Amino acid sequence: MRQSAGQAEAGRDPEAVSKFVEGFAAQLVEAGMQRMPARVFAALLASDSGSLTSAELGESLRVSPAGVSGAVRYLAQQHMVAREREPGSRRERYRVHSNQWYEALTNREAVLKRWEGALREGVTSLGVDTPAGRRMAETLAFFEFVEGEIAAMMERWREHREKTFGQG
């Protein structure tokens, strides 16, 4: 990752920043994220503004505009970044949400709801008294439990965040 003007102004060691970006991206890849979105996300997270243009991302990560575009599209679908127009320009900036983890987890609730609906249908179709139906019912109970825990945890996080960082 090359040193950008923003990193130089902040007095950062570009090698250390690059090491962080690539290391954190590797952790995200290990957790299941695609490599390019992981690198773009880590670069945005490591920028002071939390916002970079496609050209800035491409330059710092040494990747093509197409690579950045595909990564940003994926990250936007995952609710981890937002696209913004620069005032008076056609250029877009990509911004990491200040509460990106909250957004990403909260948006998983819709996925869990769909899975729960499919599992309920599976229990009904397979029969609750069959081995497969019982397995489906247990899986459904697990997802219902997880959904409730995520909702409670997110509420505790909002309270903790407000106490720790103020209104966000």
Protein backbone atom coordinates (compact mmCIF):
# COMPACT_ATOMS: atom_id res chain seq x y z
CA MET A 1 0.00 0.00 0.00
CA ARG A 2 1.48 3.32 -1.02
CA GLN A 3 1.56 6.37 1.18
CA SER A 4 -1.21 8.82 0.38
CA ALA A 5 -1.11 12.52 1.13
CA GLY A 6 -3.48 11.99 4.06
CA GLN A 7 -1.22 9.40 5.63
CA ALA A 8 1.84 11.64 5.19
CA GLU A 9 0.04 14.58 6.80
CA ALA A 10 -1.00 12.44 9.73
CA GLY A 11 2.64 11.49 10.27
CA ARG A 12 1.97 7.81 9.83
CA ASP A 13 4.48 5.19 8.89
CA PRO A 14 3.15 4.03 5.50
CA GLU A 15 4.71 0.60 5.99
CA ALA A 16 2.90 0.16 9.30
CA VAL A 17 -0.40 1.28 7.77
CA SER A 18 0.06 -1.12 4.86
CA LYS A 19 0.89 -3.94 7.25
CA PHE A 20 -2.27 -3.23 9.24
CA VAL A 21 -4.47 -3.05 6.13
CA GLU A 22 -3.13 -6.28 4.67
CA GLY A 23 -3.15 -8.06 8.05
CA PHE A 24 -6.69 -7.05 8.92
CA ALA A 25 -7.84 -7.88 5.39
CA ALA A 26 -6.29 -11.33 5.79
CA GLN A 27 -8.30 -11.82 8.98
CA LEU A 28 -11.49 -10.82 7.17
CA VAL A 29 -10.67 -13.24 4.33
CA GLU A 30 -10.10 -16.00 6.85
CA ALA A 31 -13.56 -15.23 8.26
CA GLY A 32 -15.12 -15.63 4.81
CA MET A 33 -14.96 -12.23 3.10
CA GLN A 34 -13.61 -12.01 -0.44
CA ARG A 35 -10.04 -10.70 -0.67
CA MET A 36 -10.56 -7.44 -2.58
CA PRO A 37 -13.54 -6.24 -0.52
CA ALA A 38 -11.56 -7.07 2.62
CA ARG A 39 -8.61 -4.96 1.45
CA VAL A 40 -10.84 -2.04 0.42
CA PHE A 41 -12.74 -2.17 3.71
CA ALA A 42 -9.52 -2.27 5.74
CA ALA A 43 -8.10 0.67 3.76
CA LEU A 44 -11.24 2.73 4.37
CA LEU A 45 -11.24 1.83 8.03
CA ALA A 46 -7.59 2.90 8.33
CA SER A 47 -8.16 6.32 6.70
CA ASP A 48 -8.73 9.26 9.06
CA SER A 49 -11.73 10.47 7.08
CA GLY A 50 -13.16 6.98 6.62
CA SER A 51 -13.72 8.04 3.04
CA LEU A 52 -11.67 7.59 -0.13
CA THR A 53 -12.22 7.87 -3.87
CA SER A 54 -11.82 4.97 -6.23
CA ALA A 55 -8.57 6.50 -7.49
CA GLU A 56 -7.20 6.85 -3.95
CA LEU A 57 -8.11 3.26 -3.13
CA GLY A 58 -6.65 1.99 -6.38
CA GLU A 59 -3.40 3.90 -5.83
CA SER A 60 -2.94 2.92 -2.20
CA LEU A 61 -3.84 -0.74 -2.75
CA ARG A 62 -2.23 -0.96 -6.21
CA VAL A 63 -5.36 -2.38 -7.79
CA SER A 64 -7.40 -1.60 -10.88
CA PRO A 65 -10.50 0.63 -10.88
CA ALA A 66 -12.52 -2.48 -11.78
CA GLY A 67 -11.21 -4.25 -8.69
CA VAL A 68 -12.19 -1.32 -6.50
CA SER A 69 -15.61 -1.06 -8.15
CA GLY A 70 -16.45 -4.72 -7.59
CA ALA A 71 -15.24 -4.58 -4.00
CA VAL A 72 -17.27 -1.46 -3.23
CA ARG A 73 -20.38 -2.98 -4.83
CA TYR A 74 -20.03 -6.02 -2.54
CA LEU A 75 -19.37 -3.89 0.55
CA ALA A 76 -22.35 -1.66 -0.21
CA GLN A 77 -24.60 -4.73 -0.53
CA GLN A 78 -23.34 -5.84 2.87
CA HIS A 79 -24.13 -2.37 4.31
CA MET A 80 -20.48 -1.87 5.25
CA VAL A 81 -19.80 1.17 3.04
CA ALA A 82 -21.81 3.91 1.41
CA ARG A 83 -21.26 5.74 -1.86
CA GLU A 84 -21.27 9.54 -1.77
CA ARG A 85 -20.93 12.12 -4.52
CA GLU A 86 -18.28 14.75 -4.03
CA PRO A 87 -20.04 18.15 -4.04
CA GLY A 88 -19.81 19.72 -7.51
CA SER A 89 -18.22 16.61 -8.99
CA ARG A 90 -19.20 13.40 -10.68
CA ARG A 91 -16.61 11.53 -8.60
CA GLU A 92 -17.80 9.18 -5.95
CA ARG A 93 -16.27 8.71 -2.55
CA TYR A 94 -16.71 5.54 -0.58
CA ARG A 95 -17.30 5.91 3.13
CA VAL A 96 -17.12 3.29 5.81
CA HIS A 97 -20.05 3.61 8.20
CA SER A 98 -19.04 4.86 11.62
CA ASN A 99 -21.07 2.00 13.02
CA GLN A 100 -20.33 -0.51 10.25
CA TRP A 101 -20.31 -3.57 12.50
CA TYR A 102 -23.65 -2.62 14.01
CA GLU A 103 -25.08 -2.07 10.51
CA ALA A 104 -23.69 -5.34 9.20
CA LEU A 105 -25.06 -7.37 12.12
CA THR A 106 -28.39 -5.58 12.18
CA ASN A 107 -28.90 -6.23 8.49
CA ARG A 108 -28.35 -9.93 9.13
CA GLU A 109 -31.66 -9.94 11.01
CA ALA A 110 -33.53 -9.89 7.70
CA VAL A 111 -31.53 -12.92 6.56
CA LEU A 112 -32.28 -14.73 9.82
CA LYS A 113 -36.00 -13.98 9.41
CA ARG A 114 -35.96 -15.49 5.90
CA TRP A 115 -34.10 -18.56 7.16
CA GLU A 116 -36.58 -18.93 10.01
CA GLY A 117 -39.48 -18.81 7.55
CA ALA A 118 -37.87 -21.47 5.37
CA LEU A 119 -37.13 -23.64 8.40
CA ARG A 120 -40.72 -23.35 9.67
CA GLU A 121 -41.88 -24.51 6.27
CA GLY A 122 -39.36 -27.36 6.46
CA VAL A 123 -40.67 -28.47 9.86
CA THR A 124 -44.22 -28.46 8.51
CA SER A 125 -43.28 -30.24 5.28
CA LEU A 126 -41.09 -32.88 6.90
CA GLY A 127 -43.25 -33.41 9.96
CA VAL A 128 -42.19 -32.43 13.47
CA ASP A 129 -42.12 -36.10 14.55
CA THR A 130 -39.61 -37.19 11.93
CA PRO A 131 -35.83 -37.10 12.53
CA ALA A 132 -35.43 -34.48 9.76
CA GLY A 133 -38.34 -32.43 11.14
CA ARG A 134 -36.85 -32.47 14.64
CA ARG A 135 -33.48 -31.41 13.19
CA MET A 136 -35.21 -28.55 11.36
CA ALA A 137 -37.09 -27.55 14.53
CA GLU A 138 -33.85 -27.48 16.52
CA THR A 139 -32.17 -25.40 13.82
CA LEU A 140 -35.15 -23.03 13.82
CA ALA A 141 -34.98 -22.73 17.61
CA PHE A 142 -31.26 -21.95 17.35
CA PHE A 143 -31.83 -19.13 14.85
CA GLU A 144 -34.71 -17.71 16.91
CA PHE A 145 -32.43 -17.76 19.95
CA VAL A 146 -29.56 -16.10 18.07
CA GLU A 147 -31.88 -13.43 16.68
CA GLY A 148 -33.10 -12.55 20.18
CA GLU A 149 -29.56 -12.46 21.52
CA ILE A 150 -28.39 -10.22 18.67
CA ALA A 151 -31.25 -7.79 19.30
CA ALA A 152 -30.45 -7.64 23.03
CA MET A 153 -26.73 -7.34 22.35
CA MET A 154 -27.28 -4.49 19.87
CA GLU A 155 -29.30 -2.60 22.45
CA ARG A 156 -26.51 -3.05 25.01
CA TRP A 157 -23.99 -1.89 22.37
CA ARG A 158 -26.01 1.30 21.65
CA GLU A 159 -25.99 2.10 25.38
CA HIS A 160 -22.28 1.29 25.73
CA ARG A 161 -21.36 3.28 22.62
CA GLU A 162 -23.26 6.32 23.86
CA LYS A 163 -21.55 6.16 27.26
CA THR A 164 -18.11 5.60 25.73
CA PHE A 165 -18.17 7.78 22.62
CA GLY A 166 -21.21 10.06 23.03
CA GLN A 167 -23.97 10.41 20.49
CA GLY A 168 -23.04 8.78 17.20
